[in-house]
Amino acid sequence: MQAVRWTGSRVSPQELPTPSPSSDEVLVRVRRVGLSGLDVARLMGAAGAGGVLPGHEIAGEVADLGREVHGWSVGDRVTVNRLCACGHCLYCGLGRPTLCDQRQEIGLDRDGGLAEYVVVPARNLYQLPDNADWALAASVDPLASALPAVNRASIMFEDTVVILGAGAMGLYSAQLARLAGPQRLVVLGREAARLAAAREWAAAVVDVAAEDGLAAVQRLSGGQGADVVIEASGSPASVAEAVSLAGRTGRVALLGAYAQPSPMPAGELGQRGISLYGTWGYSPDEFLQALALLMGGHVRHQPIVTHTLPLDEVEHALALMVNREAIKVHLVPA
């Protein structure tokens, strides 16, 4: 099969043996896979990127079954939950599989979907409705990843909500926040194309290359600051900025992980009564919620998936992402 990995000097499509599923696994023929920020970092030579195939935003068809797998058939159309939890530890029992003692992630700890085929645990598959297209199906994972931050922020109708970052995660967060019906929704970001997309959902869009973000939020909130800030840029420096944007008793939710340590204005948290929430990944219920939101048309992936390319054009896809010419790129194996 054709697959993509970092070879030590460049990204290279190469031929690898097609994997075989073990007793409780399923072989999926990949029909569409999204490139995430983590995938880009790994394909650009991040530490540890050489051994495991990246790619966790996966949609495809069942191609083969392990001998103990029941309830699935070859040809079934599926999307994939990237989080592999043990199902037995304390946190799995509490419904928090992202905190599992033995958690693994497809595309990080085990081979992912930047290939024609990928092997995944059968319990990580979700059946697609017949009218779900592949682009929608490969968008479930990133939308599900945005849900915990928005859910934990407990947005109310009188709130001023600020989304920090206008990339794919910021735009999914903006759509989810809008569904909660806040009084005011503001997106802070860069690049004209991303900000233009944000205007579909936000009452105000601020280009932080042209206007100071804190000054803009103060102006838009009547000097009160934001009730809710969702940090969706992934930049470590933006954590402190997110706290600065929040007003007294504000809620700040961090979406995902950060590659480097983040400066933390701990004094501001206490003095202004700010609540800080960390999130990573999603629960199975949130994955199903994301699929339902996309299928119902409540959240749109089309403005976010700006480019679709063949898998063997992965170097072009990377260039589009690194140069910020694309919001989200989907790759299609042969």
Protein backbone atom coordinates (compact mmCIF):
# COMPACT_ATOMS: atom_id res chain seq x y z
CA MET A 1 0.00 0.00 0.00
CA GLN A 2 0.99 3.64 -0.42
CA ALA A 3 1.74 5.46 2.84
CA VAL A 4 3.35 8.73 3.93
CA ARG A 5 5.99 9.31 6.58
CA TRP A 6 8.99 11.47 7.41
CA THR A 7 12.13 9.76 6.07
CA GLY A 8 14.72 11.88 7.89
CA SER A 9 15.13 14.56 5.25
CA ARG A 10 11.74 14.92 3.56
CA VAL A 11 8.17 13.69 3.43
CA SER A 12 8.02 10.72 1.15
CA PRO A 13 5.12 8.58 -0.13
CA GLN A 14 6.37 5.00 -0.10
CA GLU A 15 5.17 1.46 -0.57
CA LEU A 16 4.58 -0.52 2.64
CA PRO A 17 2.98 -3.90 3.28
CA THR A 18 -0.76 -3.74 3.87
CA PRO A 19 -1.28 -4.46 7.60
CA SER A 20 -3.46 -7.28 8.89
CA PRO A 21 -5.94 -6.84 11.73
CA SER A 22 -5.53 -8.80 14.95
CA SER A 23 -8.47 -10.63 16.51
CA ASP A 24 -10.28 -7.52 17.81
CA GLU A 25 -9.27 -5.11 15.06
CA VAL A 26 -10.56 -4.00 11.66
CA LEU A 27 -8.68 -3.08 8.50
CA VAL A 28 -10.08 0.16 7.08
CA ARG A 29 -9.57 1.29 3.50
CA VAL A 30 -8.98 5.02 3.90
CA ARG A 31 -11.15 7.17 1.65
CA ARG A 32 -10.36 10.54 3.19
CA VAL A 33 -7.95 11.78 5.88
CA GLY A 34 -7.53 15.30 7.21
CA LEU A 35 -4.20 16.93 8.00
CA SER A 36 -4.09 18.30 11.55
CA GLY A 37 -1.55 20.65 13.08
CA LEU A 38 0.02 17.68 14.86
CA ASP A 39 0.33 15.81 11.56
CA VAL A 40 2.05 18.81 9.98
CA ALA A 41 4.56 19.02 12.84
CA ARG A 42 5.34 15.31 12.60
CA LEU A 43 5.65 15.37 8.82
CA MET A 44 8.02 18.32 9.10
CA GLY A 45 10.39 16.21 11.19
CA ALA A 46 9.22 16.62 14.78
CA ALA A 47 10.86 14.33 17.32
CA GLY A 48 9.66 10.76 17.12
CA ALA A 49 7.94 11.28 13.79
CA GLY A 50 9.73 8.57 11.83
CA GLY A 51 8.31 5.35 13.25
CA VAL A 52 4.52 5.79 13.29
CA LEU A 53 2.37 6.80 10.33
CA PRO A 54 0.49 10.04 11.12
CA GLY A 55 -3.15 10.80 10.36
CA HIS A 56 -6.08 10.55 12.77
CA GLU A 57 -8.96 12.35 10.99
CA ILE A 58 -10.02 9.20 9.16
CA ALA A 59 -13.00 8.06 7.11
CA GLY A 60 -13.22 4.94 5.00
CA GLU A 61 -14.64 1.46 4.42
CA VAL A 62 -14.18 -1.80 6.30
CA ALA A 63 -11.83 -3.98 4.23
CA ASP A 64 -11.13 -6.92 6.57
CA LEU A 65 -12.14 -8.14 10.03
CA GLY A 66 -10.34 -9.79 12.92
CA ARG A 67 -11.68 -13.22 13.82
CA GLU A 68 -13.38 -11.99 17.03
CA VAL A 69 -15.02 -8.93 15.48
CA HIS A 70 -18.79 -9.03 15.15
CA GLY A 71 -21.36 -6.49 14.02
CA TRP A 72 -19.31 -5.17 11.10
CA SER A 73 -19.15 -6.24 7.45
CA VAL A 74 -16.72 -5.63 4.64
CA GLY A 75 -17.82 -2.49 2.81
CA ASP A 76 -19.35 -0.76 5.83
CA ARG A 77 -18.70 3.00 5.71
CA VAL A 78 -17.08 4.27 8.91
CA THR A 79 -15.39 7.12 10.69
CA VAL A 80 -12.78 6.54 13.38
CA ASN A 81 -12.37 7.67 16.99
CA ARG A 82 -8.63 8.21 17.37
CA LEU A 83 -8.50 7.60 21.15
CA CYS A 84 -7.79 4.02 22.19
CA ALA A 85 -8.61 3.59 25.90
CA CYS A 86 -8.43 0.45 28.05
CA GLY A 87 -12.03 0.64 29.25
CA HIS A 88 -11.12 -0.67 32.72
CA CYS A 89 -9.14 1.96 34.65
CA LEU A 90 -10.56 4.54 37.07
CA TYR A 91 -10.88 7.27 34.46
CA CYS A 92 -12.47 5.04 31.86
CA GLY A 93 -14.99 4.07 34.54
CA LEU A 94 -15.69 7.76 35.16
CA GLY A 95 -16.37 8.33 31.46
CA ARG A 96 -13.09 10.21 30.94
CA PRO A 97 -11.23 8.00 28.43
CA THR A 98 -8.91 10.88 27.48
CA LEU A 99 -7.31 10.41 30.93
CA CYS A 100 -6.96 6.63 30.58
CA ASP A 101 -3.85 5.15 32.23
CA GLN A 102 -3.06 3.21 29.04
CA ARG A 103 -4.37 5.64 26.43
CA GLN A 104 -2.98 5.41 22.92
CA GLU A 105 -3.82 7.58 19.94
CA ILE A 106 -4.10 6.53 16.32
CA GLY A 107 -1.55 8.49 14.32
CA LEU A 108 0.60 9.17 17.37
CA ASP A 109 1.19 5.95 19.31
CA ARG A 110 0.09 3.55 16.58
CA ASP A 111 -0.06 3.84 12.79
CA GLY A 112 -2.56 6.33 11.44
CA GLY A 113 -4.45 7.00 8.26
CA LEU A 114 -1.98 8.74 5.95
CA ALA A 115 -2.03 5.54 3.94
CA GLU A 116 -4.33 3.48 1.77
CA TYR A 117 -5.17 1.23 4.74
CA VAL A 118 -5.11 1.50 8.52
CA VAL A 119 -5.79 -1.03 11.28
CA VAL A 120 -7.93 0.19 14.18
CA PRO A 121 -9.68 -1.44 17.16
CA ALA A 122 -13.21 -2.41 16.20
CA ARG A 123 -14.60 -0.46 19.18
CA ASN A 124 -13.22 2.74 17.65
CA LEU A 125 -15.42 2.52 14.54
CA TYR A 126 -18.63 4.48 14.04
CA GLN A 127 -21.12 3.68 11.30
CA LEU A 128 -21.75 6.47 8.82
CA PRO A 129 -25.24 7.34 7.62
CA ASP A 130 -25.75 6.57 3.93
CA ASN A 131 -25.90 10.28 3.03
CA ALA A 132 -22.65 11.23 4.78
CA ASP A 133 -19.94 12.16 2.30
CA TRP A 134 -16.26 11.44 2.95
CA ALA A 135 -15.37 15.07 3.64
CA LEU A 136 -18.00 15.26 6.37
CA ALA A 137 -16.92 11.92 7.81
CA ALA A 138 -13.26 13.00 8.06
CA SER A 139 -14.37 16.20 9.82
CA VAL A 140 -15.94 14.46 12.81
CA ASP A 141 -12.67 14.12 14.73
CA PRO A 142 -11.63 17.81 14.70
CA LEU A 143 -15.16 18.96 15.51
CA ALA A 144 -15.34 16.46 18.39
CA SER A 145 -11.99 17.80 19.63
CA ALA A 146 -13.49 21.31 19.87
CA LEU A 147 -16.56 20.20 21.81
CA PRO A 148 -15.05 19.69 25.31
CA ALA A 149 -13.70 23.24 25.53
CA VAL A 150 -17.01 24.76 24.46
CA ASN A 151 -18.98 22.44 26.73
CA ARG A 152 -16.85 23.14 29.79
CA ALA A 153 -17.04 26.90 29.25
CA SER A 154 -20.82 26.72 29.93
CA ILE A 155 -21.75 29.53 27.54
CA MET A 156 -24.88 31.49 28.49
CA PHE A 157 -27.09 33.82 26.46
CA GLU A 158 -25.76 37.03 28.09
CA ASP A 159 -22.09 36.13 27.53
CA THR A 160 -19.44 37.79 25.43
CA VAL A 161 -17.47 34.89 23.95
CA VAL A 162 -14.03 35.30 22.39
CA ILE A 163 -12.41 32.63 20.20
CA LEU A 164 -8.64 33.07 20.06
CA GLY A 165 -7.45 31.68 16.73
CA ALA A 166 -9.14 31.42 13.33
CA GLY A 167 -7.72 28.12 12.11
CA ALA A 168 -9.79 24.96 11.76
CA MET A 169 -10.19 24.45 15.50
CA GLY A 170 -11.08 28.09 16.07
CA LEU A 171 -13.70 28.04 13.32
CA TYR A 172 -15.27 24.84 14.63
CA SER A 173 -15.26 26.38 18.12
CA ALA A 174 -16.95 29.51 16.76
CA GLN A 175 -19.74 27.45 15.22
CA LEU A 176 -20.26 25.49 18.43
CA ALA A 177 -20.23 28.66 20.54
CA ARG A 178 -22.79 30.29 18.27
CA LEU A 179 -25.16 27.36 18.81
CA ALA A 180 -25.16 28.25 22.53
CA GLY A 181 -26.63 31.67 21.66
CA PRO A 182 -24.25 34.12 23.38
CA GLN A 183 -24.96 37.83 23.32
CA ARG A 184 -21.74 38.53 21.44
CA LEU A 185 -19.27 36.24 19.62
CA VAL A 186 -15.84 37.59 18.68
CA VAL A 187 -13.07 35.81 16.75
CA LEU A 188 -9.45 37.00 16.93
CA GLY A 189 -7.06 35.81 14.24
CA ARG A 190 -4.88 36.51 11.23
CA GLU A 191 -5.02 36.03 7.45
CA ALA A 192 -7.85 37.43 5.37
CA ALA A 193 -9.25 34.08 4.19
CA ARG A 194 -9.59 32.71 7.71
CA LEU A 195 -11.15 35.88 9.02
CA ALA A 196 -13.56 35.94 6.08
CA ALA A 197 -14.69 32.43 7.01
CA ALA A 198 -15.11 33.49 10.66
CA ARG A 199 -17.48 36.31 9.66
CA GLU A 200 -20.09 33.70 8.75
CA TRP A 201 -20.57 32.94 12.46
CA ALA A 202 -19.05 35.76 14.53
CA ALA A 203 -20.62 39.13 15.27
CA ALA A 204 -17.16 40.68 15.20
CA VAL A 205 -13.85 39.59 13.69
CA VAL A 206 -10.56 41.18 14.73
CA ASP A 207 -7.37 41.02 12.68
CA VAL A 208 -4.75 41.01 15.44
CA ALA A 209 -2.09 41.97 12.89
CA ALA A 210 -3.87 45.32 12.53
CA GLU A 211 -5.49 45.87 15.95
CA ASP A 212 -4.49 44.94 19.49
CA GLY A 213 -6.66 42.02 20.58
CA LEU A 214 -7.08 43.14 24.20
CA ALA A 215 -8.07 46.67 23.17
CA ALA A 216 -10.56 45.27 20.67
CA VAL A 217 -12.20 42.96 23.24
CA GLN A 218 -12.43 45.79 25.77
CA ARG A 219 -14.06 47.99 23.14
CA LEU A 220 -16.54 45.35 22.04
CA SER A 221 -17.46 44.33 25.60
CA GLY A 222 -17.94 47.84 26.95
CA GLY A 223 -14.79 47.55 29.05
CA GLN A 224 -15.93 44.40 30.86
CA GLY A 225 -13.75 41.83 29.09
CA ALA A 226 -14.92 38.44 27.85
CA ASP A 227 -17.13 36.13 29.88
CA VAL A 228 -15.71 33.16 27.97
CA VAL A 229 -12.41 32.80 26.12
CA ILE A 230 -11.63 29.67 24.11
CA GLU A 231 -7.95 29.42 23.25
CA ALA A 232 -7.88 27.55 19.92
CA SER A 233 -4.65 28.79 18.34
CA GLY A 234 -2.37 26.18 19.92
CA SER A 235 0.28 28.82 20.61
CA PRO A 236 1.82 28.59 24.11
CA ALA A 237 2.07 32.38 24.30
CA SER A 238 -1.68 32.65 23.72
CA VAL A 239 -2.53 31.07 27.08
CA ALA A 240 -1.53 34.23 28.94
CA GLU A 241 -3.30 36.31 26.30
CA ALA A 242 -6.49 34.30 26.77
CA VAL A 243 -6.43 35.01 30.51
CA SER A 244 -5.87 38.73 29.85
CA LEU A 245 -8.93 38.86 27.59
CA ALA A 246 -11.24 37.45 30.26
CA GLY A 247 -13.21 39.76 32.51
CA ARG A 248 -13.85 39.22 36.21
CA THR A 249 -15.30 35.75 36.89
CA GLY A 250 -14.54 34.82 33.27
CA ARG A 251 -14.05 31.24 32.05
CA VAL A 252 -11.03 30.33 29.94
CA ALA A 253 -10.94 26.98 28.13
CA LEU A 254 -7.77 25.67 26.51
CA LEU A 255 -8.31 23.50 23.46
CA GLY A 256 -5.68 20.79 23.18
CA ALA A 257 -2.01 20.49 24.08
CA TYR A 258 0.95 22.83 23.66
CA ALA A 259 4.37 21.91 22.34
CA GLN A 260 6.25 24.17 24.79
CA PRO A 261 5.58 25.43 28.32
CA SER A 262 3.17 28.34 28.54
CA PRO A 263 3.66 31.40 30.76
CA MET A 264 0.81 31.46 33.25
CA PRO A 265 -0.41 34.69 34.89
CA ALA A 266 -1.48 32.91 38.08
CA GLY A 267 -2.06 36.16 39.95
CA GLU A 268 -4.69 37.27 37.47
CA LEU A 269 -6.61 34.03 37.88
CA GLY A 270 -7.04 34.57 41.59
CA GLN A 271 -7.42 38.33 41.66
CA ARG A 272 -10.10 38.38 38.99
CA GLY A 273 -11.78 35.09 39.89
CA ILE A 274 -11.07 33.48 36.53
CA SER A 275 -11.74 29.77 35.99
CA LEU A 276 -9.29 27.90 33.75
CA TYR A 277 -10.19 24.63 32.04
CA GLY A 278 -7.90 22.27 30.17
CA THR A 279 -9.26 19.89 27.53
CA TRP A 280 -7.77 17.24 25.28
CA GLY A 281 -9.47 14.82 22.93
CA TYR A 282 -13.11 13.84 23.41
CA SER A 283 -15.39 11.20 24.86
CA PRO A 284 -17.32 8.66 22.73
CA ASP A 285 -20.49 10.65 23.44
CA GLU A 286 -18.84 13.84 22.16
CA PHE A 287 -17.72 12.02 19.01
CA LEU A 288 -21.33 10.97 18.36
CA GLN A 289 -22.50 14.51 19.12
CA ALA A 290 -20.06 15.88 16.54
CA LEU A 291 -21.30 13.45 13.89
CA ALA A 292 -24.91 14.42 14.63
CA LEU A 293 -24.12 18.15 14.43
CA LEU A 294 -22.49 17.72 11.04
CA MET A 295 -25.22 15.46 9.69
CA GLY A 296 -27.91 17.87 10.88
CA GLY A 297 -26.25 20.84 9.20
CA HIS A 298 -25.80 22.64 12.53
CA VAL A 299 -22.04 22.78 11.95
CA ARG A 300 -20.53 23.17 8.49
CA HIS A 301 -17.22 21.67 7.43
CA GLN A 302 -17.27 23.03 3.87
CA PRO A 303 -15.80 26.50 4.59
CA ILE A 304 -13.04 24.91 6.67
CA VAL A 305 -11.93 22.13 4.30
CA THR A 306 -10.42 24.45 1.71
CA HIS A 307 -8.30 21.95 -0.26
CA THR A 308 -8.59 18.28 -1.26
CA LEU A 309 -5.57 16.58 -2.83
CA PRO A 310 -4.38 13.07 -3.72
CA LEU A 311 -2.28 11.41 -1.02
CA ASP A 312 0.80 11.47 -3.24
CA GLU A 313 0.62 15.30 -3.27
CA VAL A 314 1.26 15.44 0.47
CA GLU A 315 4.26 17.77 0.02
CA HIS A 316 2.00 20.30 -1.69
CA ALA A 317 -0.54 19.86 1.10
CA LEU A 318 2.13 20.55 3.71
CA ALA A 319 3.25 23.68 1.90
CA LEU A 320 -0.34 24.96 1.85
CA MET A 321 -0.65 24.40 5.59
CA VAL A 322 2.76 25.76 6.57
CA ASN A 323 2.29 28.88 4.43
CA ARG A 324 -1.24 29.29 5.84
CA GLU A 325 -2.78 29.22 2.39
CA ALA A 326 -5.17 26.48 3.51
CA ILE A 327 -7.37 26.20 6.58
CA LYS A 328 -7.75 22.42 6.36
CA VAL A 329 -6.42 20.00 3.73
CA HIS A 330 -7.97 16.59 3.09
CA LEU A 331 -5.97 13.86 1.37
CA VAL A 332 -7.45 11.10 -0.77
CA PRO A 333 -5.52 7.81 -1.14
CA ALA A 334 -5.48 6.22 -4.58
